[in-house]
Amino acid sequence: MKQPKQTRMCVRCRKRFQQKELLRLQSNGYSLCAFSGRGRSFYVCEECLAQPKTFQIIIKMNKLKVSEELIATIKEIWNLWQKK
């Protein structure tokens, strides 16, 4: 029997992708981080991450406070993910 492929949905565009094609993030209190393996998380596709409004949606969705540190964290996570 064939194994079903694991697909997940991008929180911004609502399109489905293979799980390995998406960046998995998690809101940890009032900050954002790469998924730690515990708790709830969400996925964002590469195309949506390239759009500036995506950061605003992520911030609003997770009730985060906008700061330079938060934006820097998102960009750092993105850069690390691209290197995989």
PDB file of N, CA and C in Angstrom:
ATOM      1  N   MET A   1       0.837  -1.182   0.000  1.00  0.00           N
ATOM      2  CA  MET A   1       0.000   0.000   0.000  1.00  0.00           C
ATOM      3  C   MET A   1       0.886   1.251   0.000  1.00  0.00           C
ATOM      4  N   LYS A   2       0.529   2.211  -0.797  1.00  0.00           N
ATOM      5  CA  LYS A   2       1.317   3.432  -0.950  1.00  0.00           C
ATOM      6  C   LYS A   2       1.068   4.381   0.229  1.00  0.00           C
ATOM      7  N   GLN A   3       2.158   4.947   0.780  1.00  0.00           N
ATOM      8  CA  GLN A   3       2.054   5.911   1.880  1.00  0.00           C
ATOM      9  C   GLN A   3       1.539   7.250   1.354  1.00  0.00           C
ATOM     10  N   PRO A   4       0.567   7.865   2.019  1.00  0.00           N
ATOM     11  CA  PRO A   4       0.114   9.188   1.576  1.00  0.00           C
ATOM     12  C   PRO A   4       1.204  10.225   1.844  1.00  0.00           C
ATOM     13  N   LYS A   5       1.353  11.148   0.913  1.00  0.00           N
ATOM     14  CA  LYS A   5       2.359  12.193   1.085  1.00  0.00           C
ATOM     15  C   LYS A   5       1.870  13.186   2.123  1.00  0.00           C
ATOM     16  N   GLN A   6       2.787  13.651   2.947  1.00  0.00           N
ATOM     17  CA  GLN A   6       2.421  14.603   3.987  1.00  0.00           C
ATOM     18  C   GLN A   6       2.330  15.997   3.382  1.00  0.00           C
ATOM     19  N   THR A   7       1.123  16.544   3.358  1.00  0.00           N
ATOM     20  CA  THR A   7       0.936  17.891   2.844  1.00  0.00           C
ATOM     21  C   THR A   7       0.464  18.788   3.977  1.00  0.00           C
ATOM     22  N   ARG A   8       0.894  20.019   3.908  1.00  0.00           N
ATOM     23  CA  ARG A   8       0.507  21.021   4.892  1.00  0.00           C
ATOM     24  C   ARG A   8       0.084  22.278   4.150  1.00  0.00           C
ATOM     25  N   MET A   9      -0.642  23.153   4.835  1.00  0.00           N
ATOM     26  CA  MET A   9      -1.170  24.353   4.208  1.00  0.00           C
ATOM     27  C   MET A   9      -0.450  25.601   4.698  1.00  0.00           C
ATOM     28  N   CYS A  10      -0.111  26.474   3.774  1.00  0.00           N
ATOM     29  CA  CYS A  10       0.488  27.767   4.104  1.00  0.00           C
ATOM     30  C   CYS A  10      -0.589  28.642   4.752  1.00  0.00           C
ATOM     31  N   VAL A  11      -0.249  29.314   5.849  1.00  0.00           N
ATOM     32  CA  VAL A  11      -1.234  30.135   6.552  1.00  0.00           C
ATOM     33  C   VAL A  11      -1.641  31.379   5.768  1.00  0.00           C
ATOM     34  N   ARG A  12      -0.824  31.805   4.836  1.00  0.00           N
ATOM     35  CA  ARG A  12      -1.149  33.018   4.092  1.00  0.00           C
ATOM     36  C   ARG A  12      -1.944  32.728   2.818  1.00  0.00           C
ATOM     37  N   CYS A  13      -1.423  31.897   1.927  1.00  0.00           N
ATOM     38  CA  CYS A  13      -2.073  31.664   0.633  1.00  0.00           C
ATOM     39  C   CYS A  13      -3.049  30.483   0.658  1.00  0.00           C
ATOM     40  N   ARG A  14      -2.989  29.670   1.695  1.00  0.00           N
ATOM     41  CA  ARG A  14      -3.852  28.501   1.882  1.00  0.00           C
ATOM     42  C   ARG A  14      -3.654  27.410   0.833  1.00  0.00           C
ATOM     43  N   LYS A  15      -2.517  27.429   0.144  1.00  0.00           N
ATOM     44  CA  LYS A  15      -2.197  26.367  -0.809  1.00  0.00           C
ATOM     45  C   LYS A  15      -1.533  25.229  -0.052  1.00  0.00           C
ATOM     46  N   ARG A  16      -1.662  24.022  -0.591  1.00  0.00           N
ATOM     47  CA  ARG A  16      -1.061  22.846   0.038  1.00  0.00           C
ATOM     48  C   ARG A  16       0.269  22.513  -0.632  1.00  0.00           C
ATOM     49  N   PHE A  17       1.244  22.133   0.220  1.00  0.00           N
ATOM     50  CA  PHE A  17       2.588  21.802  -0.230  1.00  0.00           C
ATOM     51  C   PHE A  17       3.072  20.580   0.521  1.00  0.00           C
ATOM     52  N   GLN A  18       4.139  19.971   0.012  1.00  0.00           N
ATOM     53  CA  GLN A  18       4.814  18.929   0.767  1.00  0.00           C
ATOM     54  C   GLN A  18       5.358  19.578   2.037  1.00  0.00           C
ATOM     55  N   GLN A  19       5.349  18.870   3.122  1.00  0.00           N
ATOM     56  CA  GLN A  19       5.779  19.419   4.403  1.00  0.00           C
ATOM     57  C   GLN A  19       7.213  19.944   4.344  1.00  0.00           C
ATOM     58  N   LYS A  20       8.090  19.269   3.629  1.00  0.00           N
ATOM     59  CA  LYS A  20       9.493  19.682   3.574  1.00  0.00           C
ATOM     60  C   LYS A  20       9.711  20.959   2.760  1.00  0.00           C
ATOM     61  N   GLU A  21       8.710  21.396   1.993  1.00  0.00           N
ATOM     62  CA  GLU A  21       8.822  22.610   1.181  1.00  0.00           C
ATOM     63  C   GLU A  21       8.439  23.863   1.952  1.00  0.00           C
ATOM     64  N   LEU A  22       7.924  23.705   3.151  1.00  0.00           N
ATOM     65  CA  LEU A  22       7.416  24.831   3.929  1.00  0.00           C
ATOM     66  C   LEU A  22       8.309  25.140   5.125  1.00  0.00           C
ATOM     67  N   LEU A  23       8.306  26.404   5.510  1.00  0.00           N
ATOM     68  CA  LEU A  23       8.999  26.836   6.719  1.00  0.00           C
ATOM     69  C   LEU A  23       8.026  26.682   7.883  1.00  0.00           C
ATOM     70  N   ARG A  24       8.447  25.995   8.923  1.00  0.00           N
ATOM     71  CA  ARG A  24       7.591  25.747  10.082  1.00  0.00           C
ATOM     72  C   ARG A  24       8.008  26.678  11.214  1.00  0.00           C
ATOM     73  N   LEU A  25       7.079  27.499  11.660  1.00  0.00           N
ATOM     74  CA  LEU A  25       7.344  28.471  12.717  1.00  0.00           C
ATOM     75  C   LEU A  25       6.415  28.220  13.889  1.00  0.00           C
ATOM     76  N   GLN A  26       6.767  28.837  14.999  1.00  0.00           N
ATOM     77  CA  GLN A  26       5.964  28.700  16.207  1.00  0.00           C
ATOM     78  C   GLN A  26       6.018  30.007  16.986  1.00  0.00           C
ATOM     79  N   SER A  27       4.890  30.367  17.563  1.00  0.00           N
ATOM     80  CA  SER A  27       4.826  31.537  18.422  1.00  0.00           C
ATOM     81  C   SER A  27       5.113  31.066  19.835  1.00  0.00           C
ATOM     82  N   ASN A  28       6.113  31.690  20.452  1.00  0.00           N
ATOM     83  CA  ASN A  28       6.530  31.299  21.790  1.00  0.00           C
ATOM     84  C   ASN A  28       6.330  32.500  22.704  1.00  0.00           C
ATOM     85  N   GLY A  29       5.157  32.607  23.267  1.00  0.00           N
ATOM     86  CA  GLY A  29       4.843  33.794  24.068  1.00  0.00           C
ATOM     87  C   GLY A  29       4.673  34.987  23.156  1.00  0.00           C
ATOM     88  N   TYR A  30       5.527  35.978  23.321  1.00  0.00           N
ATOM     89  CA  TYR A  30       5.448  37.166  22.476  1.00  0.00           C
ATOM     90  C   TYR A  30       6.586  37.215  21.464  1.00  0.00           C
ATOM     91  N   SER A  31       7.175  36.064  21.169  1.00  0.00           N
ATOM     92  CA  SER A  31       8.243  36.028  20.172  1.00  0.00           C
ATOM     93  C   SER A  31       7.952  34.931  19.158  1.00  0.00           C
ATOM     94  N   LEU A  32       8.733  34.917  18.122  1.00  0.00           N
ATOM     95  CA  LEU A  32       8.580  33.945  17.053  1.00  0.00           C
ATOM     96  C   LEU A  32       9.871  33.157  16.945  1.00  0.00           C
ATOM     97  N   CYS A  33       9.751  31.859  16.693  1.00  0.00           N
ATOM     98  CA  CYS A  33      10.957  31.043  16.566  1.00  0.00           C
ATOM     99  C   CYS A  33      10.687  29.893  15.606  1.00  0.00           C
ATOM    100  N   ALA A  34      11.747  29.230  15.206  1.00  0.00           N
ATOM    101  CA  ALA A  34      11.602  28.009  14.410  1.00  0.00           C
ATOM    102  C   ALA A  34      10.957  26.962  15.311  1.00  0.00           C
ATOM    103  N   PHE A  35      10.257  26.025  14.732  1.00  0.00           N
ATOM    104  CA  PHE A  35       9.543  25.018  15.515  1.00  0.00           C
ATOM    105  C   PHE A  35      10.502  24.229  16.391  1.00  0.00           C
ATOM    106  N   SER A  36      10.177  24.134  17.675  1.00  0.00           N
ATOM    107  CA  SER A  36      11.055  23.492  18.647  1.00  0.00           C
ATOM    108  C   SER A  36      10.729  22.012  18.868  1.00  0.00           C
ATOM    109  N   GLY A  37       9.642  21.538  18.289  1.00  0.00           N
ATOM    110  CA  GLY A  37       9.266  20.143  18.475  1.00  0.00           C
ATOM    111  C   GLY A  37       8.133  19.959  19.452  1.00  0.00           C
ATOM    112  N   ARG A  38       7.774  21.007  20.157  1.00  0.00           N
ATOM    113  CA  ARG A  38       6.677  20.944  21.130  1.00  0.00           C
ATOM    114  C   ARG A  38       5.745  22.114  20.913  1.00  0.00           C
ATOM    115  N   GLY A  39       4.456  21.859  21.098  1.00  0.00           N
ATOM    116  CA  GLY A  39       3.477  22.929  20.989  1.00  0.00           C
ATOM    117  C   GLY A  39       2.927  23.086  19.575  1.00  0.00           C
ATOM    118  N   ARG A  40       2.126  24.119  19.397  1.00  0.00           N
ATOM    119  CA  ARG A  40       1.484  24.377  18.118  1.00  0.00           C
ATOM    120  C   ARG A  40       2.414  25.165  17.207  1.00  0.00           C
ATOM    121  N   SER A  41       2.241  24.950  15.919  1.00  0.00           N
ATOM    122  CA  SER A  41       3.081  25.635  14.949  1.00  0.00           C
ATOM    123  C   SER A  41       2.251  25.961  13.720  1.00  0.00           C
ATOM    124  N   PHE A  42       2.871  26.645  12.766  1.00  0.00           N
ATOM    125  CA  PHE A  42       2.209  26.962  11.503  1.00  0.00           C
ATOM    126  C   PHE A  42       3.248  26.965  10.396  1.00  0.00           C
ATOM    127  N   TYR A  43       2.772  26.872   9.180  1.00  0.00           N
ATOM    128  CA  TYR A  43       3.650  26.764   8.012  1.00  0.00           C
ATOM    129  C   TYR A  43       3.476  27.965   7.088  1.00  0.00           C
ATOM    130  N   VAL A  44       4.583  28.352   6.443  1.00  0.00           N
ATOM    131  CA  VAL A  44       4.569  29.437   5.464  1.00  0.00           C
ATOM    132  C   VAL A  44       5.388  28.969   4.260  1.00  0.00           C
ATOM    133  N   CYS A  45       4.852  29.216   3.058  1.00  0.00           N
ATOM    134  CA  CYS A  45       5.570  28.797   1.850  1.00  0.00           C
ATOM    135  C   CYS A  45       6.611  29.850   1.453  1.00  0.00           C
ATOM    136  N   GLU A  46       7.513  29.441   0.589  1.00  0.00           N
ATOM    137  CA  GLU A  46       8.606  30.310   0.153  1.00  0.00           C
ATOM    138  C   GLU A  46       8.082  31.538  -0.593  1.00  0.00           C
ATOM    139  N   GLU A  47       7.072  31.336  -1.417  1.00  0.00           N
ATOM    140  CA  GLU A  47       6.504  32.445  -2.193  1.00  0.00           C
ATOM    141  C   GLU A  47       5.902  33.512  -1.274  1.00  0.00           C
ATOM    142  N   CYS A  48       5.187  33.091  -0.256  1.00  0.00           N
ATOM    143  CA  CYS A  48       4.568  34.042   0.675  1.00  0.00           C
ATOM    144  C   CYS A  48       5.613  34.751   1.534  1.00  0.00           C
ATOM    145  N   LEU A  49       6.686  34.059   1.898  1.00  0.00           N
ATOM    146  CA  LEU A  49       7.725  34.692   2.700  1.00  0.00           C
ATOM    147  C   LEU A  49       8.424  35.813   1.954  1.00  0.00           C
ATOM    148  N   ALA A  50       8.410  35.743   0.635  1.00  0.00           N
ATOM    149  CA  ALA A  50       9.044  36.783  -0.170  1.00  0.00           C
ATOM    150  C   ALA A  50       8.192  38.052  -0.239  1.00  0.00           C
ATOM    151  N   GLN A  51       6.941  37.961   0.198  1.00  0.00           N
ATOM    152  CA  GLN A  51       6.033  39.113   0.148  1.00  0.00           C
ATOM    153  C   GLN A  51       6.041  39.840   1.488  1.00  0.00           C
ATOM    154  N   PRO A  52       6.166  41.174   1.453  1.00  0.00           N
ATOM    155  CA  PRO A  52       6.265  41.941   2.695  1.00  0.00           C
ATOM    156  C   PRO A  52       5.037  41.839   3.603  1.00  0.00           C
ATOM    157  N   LYS A  53       3.851  41.678   3.051  1.00  0.00           N
ATOM    158  CA  LYS A  53       2.646  41.616   3.881  1.00  0.00           C
ATOM    159  C   LYS A  53       2.570  40.359   4.741  1.00  0.00           C
ATOM    160  N   THR A  54       3.316  39.345   4.375  1.00  0.00           N
ATOM    161  CA  THR A  54       3.290  38.094   5.129  1.00  0.00           C
ATOM    162  C   THR A  54       3.725  38.312   6.571  1.00  0.00           C
ATOM    163  N   PHE A  55       4.742  39.134   6.777  1.00  0.00           N
ATOM    164  CA  PHE A  55       5.202  39.411   8.138  1.00  0.00           C
ATOM    165  C   PHE A  55       4.098  40.055   8.965  1.00  0.00           C
ATOM    166  N   GLN A  56       3.343  40.955   8.357  1.00  0.00           N
ATOM    167  CA  GLN A  56       2.237  41.604   9.068  1.00  0.00           C
ATOM    168  C   GLN A  56       1.167  40.591   9.442  1.00  0.00           C
ATOM    169  N   ILE A  57       0.887  39.655   8.537  1.00  0.00           N
ATOM    170  CA  ILE A  57      -0.120  38.628   8.807  1.00  0.00           C
ATOM    171  C   ILE A  57       0.332  37.713   9.938  1.00  0.00           C
ATOM    172  N   ILE A  58       1.599  37.307   9.900  1.00  0.00           N
ATOM    173  CA  ILE A  58       2.137  36.445  10.963  1.00  0.00           C
ATOM    174  C   ILE A  58       2.077  37.156  12.309  1.00  0.00           C
ATOM    175  N   ILE A  59       2.451  38.413  12.326  1.00  0.00           N
ATOM    176  CA  ILE A  59       2.443  39.197  13.560  1.00  0.00           C
ATOM    177  C   ILE A  59       1.019  39.327  14.102  1.00  0.00           C
ATOM    178  N   LYS A  60       0.066  39.632  13.226  1.00  0.00           N
ATOM    179  CA  LYS A  60      -1.330  39.799  13.640  1.00  0.00           C
ATOM    180  C   LYS A  60      -1.932  38.465  14.085  1.00  0.00           C
ATOM    181  N   MET A  61      -1.649  37.397  13.329  1.00  0.00           N
ATOM    182  CA  MET A  61      -2.199  36.077  13.623  1.00  0.00           C
ATOM    183  C   MET A  61      -1.758  35.585  15.001  1.00  0.00           C
ATOM    184  N   ASN A  62      -0.530  35.870  15.383  1.00  0.00           N
ATOM    185  CA  ASN A  62       0.023  35.398  16.647  1.00  0.00           C
ATOM    186  C   ASN A  62      -0.007  36.437  17.756  1.00  0.00           C
ATOM    187  N   LYS A  63      -0.631  37.582  17.477  1.00  0.00           N
ATOM    188  CA  LYS A  63      -0.755  38.668  18.457  1.00  0.00           C
ATOM    189  C   LYS A  63       0.601  39.078  19.014  1.00  0.00           C
ATOM    190  N   LEU A  64       1.564  39.218  18.102  1.00  0.00           N
ATOM    191  CA  LEU A  64       2.913  39.602  18.490  1.00  0.00           C
ATOM    192  C   LEU A  64       3.063  41.112  18.424  1.00  0.00           C
ATOM    193  N   LYS A  65       3.993  41.640  19.173  1.00  0.00           N
ATOM    194  CA  LYS A  65       4.290  43.064  19.134  1.00  0.00           C
ATOM    195  C   LYS A  65       5.372  43.298  18.085  1.00  0.00           C
ATOM    196  N   VAL A  66       5.110  44.241  17.185  1.00  0.00           N
ATOM    197  CA  VAL A  66       6.056  44.544  16.117  1.00  0.00           C
ATOM    198  C   VAL A  66       7.288  45.214  16.701  1.00  0.00           C
ATOM    199  N   SER A  67       8.442  44.677  16.327  1.00  0.00           N
ATOM    200  CA  SER A  67       9.695  45.274  16.758  1.00  0.00           C
ATOM    201  C   SER A  67      10.769  44.932  15.738  1.00  0.00           C
ATOM    202  N   GLU A  68      11.829  45.679  15.778  1.00  0.00           N
ATOM    203  CA  GLU A  68      12.957  45.402  14.884  1.00  0.00           C
ATOM    204  C   GLU A  68      13.538  44.026  15.189  1.00  0.00           C
ATOM    205  N   GLU A  69      13.532  43.657  16.459  1.00  0.00           N
ATOM    206  CA  GLU A  69      14.054  42.355  16.879  1.00  0.00           C
ATOM    207  C   GLU A  69      13.234  41.216  16.271  1.00  0.00           C
ATOM    208  N   LEU A  70      11.904  41.373  16.261  1.00  0.00           N
ATOM    209  CA  LEU A  70      11.028  40.352  15.696  1.00  0.00           C
ATOM    210  C   LEU A  70      11.276  40.196  14.198  1.00  0.00           C
ATOM    211  N   ILE A  71      11.369  41.293  13.479  1.00  0.00           N
ATOM    212  CA  ILE A  71      11.624  41.250  12.040  1.00  0.00           C
ATOM    213  C   ILE A  71      12.982  40.618  11.764  1.00  0.00           C
ATOM    214  N   ALA A  72      13.978  40.960  12.569  1.00  0.00           N
ATOM    215  CA  ALA A  72      15.307  40.368  12.411  1.00  0.00           C
ATOM    216  C   ALA A  72      15.263  38.858  12.669  1.00  0.00           C
ATOM    217  N   THR A  73      14.493  38.438  13.651  1.00  0.00           N
ATOM    218  CA  THR A  73      14.355  37.014  13.962  1.00  0.00           C
ATOM    219  C   THR A  73      13.732  36.269  12.799  1.00  0.00           C
ATOM    220  N   ILE A  74      12.676  36.826  12.218  1.00  0.00           N
ATOM    221  CA  ILE A  74      12.009  36.187  11.080  1.00  0.00           C
ATOM    222  C   ILE A  74      12.983  36.050   9.911  1.00  0.00           C
ATOM    223  N   LYS A  75      13.735  37.097   9.636  1.00  0.00           N
ATOM    224  CA  LYS A  75      14.693  37.057   8.530  1.00  0.00           C
ATOM    225  C   LYS A  75      15.808  36.060   8.798  1.00  0.00           C
ATOM    226  N   GLU A  76      16.250  35.967  10.045  1.00  0.00           N
ATOM    227  CA  GLU A  76      17.300  35.013  10.418  1.00  0.00           C
ATOM    228  C   GLU A  76      16.817  33.576  10.236  1.00  0.00           C
ATOM    229  N   ILE A  77      15.602  33.290  10.682  1.00  0.00           N
ATOM    230  CA  ILE A  77      15.017  31.965  10.527  1.00  0.00           C
ATOM    231  C   ILE A  77      14.891  31.636   9.037  1.00  0.00           C
ATOM    232  N   TRP A  78      14.456  32.607   8.263  1.00  0.00           N
ATOM    233  CA  TRP A  78      14.307  32.420   6.818  1.00  0.00           C
ATOM    234  C   TRP A  78      15.647  32.092   6.170  1.00  0.00           C
ATOM    235  N   ASN A  79      16.693  32.826   6.531  1.00  0.00           N
ATOM    236  CA  ASN A  79      18.016  32.584   5.953  1.00  0.00           C
ATOM    237  C   ASN A  79      18.551  31.197   6.323  1.00  0.00           C
ATOM    238  N   LEU A  80      18.345  30.788   7.563  1.00  0.00           N
ATOM    239  CA  LEU A  80      18.780  29.462   7.984  1.00  0.00           C
ATOM    240  C   LEU A  80      18.018  28.374   7.248  1.00  0.00           C
ATOM    241  N   TRP A  81      16.731  28.600   7.052  1.00  0.00           N
ATOM    242  CA  TRP A  81      15.893  27.614   6.359  1.00  0.00           C
ATOM    243  C   TRP A  81      16.310  27.471   4.897  1.00  0.00           C
ATOM    244  N   GLN A  82      16.666  28.563   4.255  1.00  0.00           N
ATOM    245  CA  GLN A  82      17.076  28.534   2.853  1.00  0.00           C
ATOM    246  C   GLN A  82      18.360  27.740   2.666  1.00  0.00           C
ATOM    247  N   LYS A  83      19.211  27.719   3.661  1.00  0.00           N
ATOM    248  CA  LYS A  83      20.487  27.009   3.563  1.00  0.00           C
ATOM    249  C   LYS A  83      20.347  25.500   3.668  1.00  0.00           C
ATOM    250  N   LYS A  84      19.183  25.014   4.114  1.00  0.00           N
ATOM    251  CA  LYS A  84      18.964  23.569   4.284  1.00  0.00           C
ATOM    252  C   LYS A  84      19.082  22.825   2.997  1.00  0.00           C
TER     253      LYS A  84
END
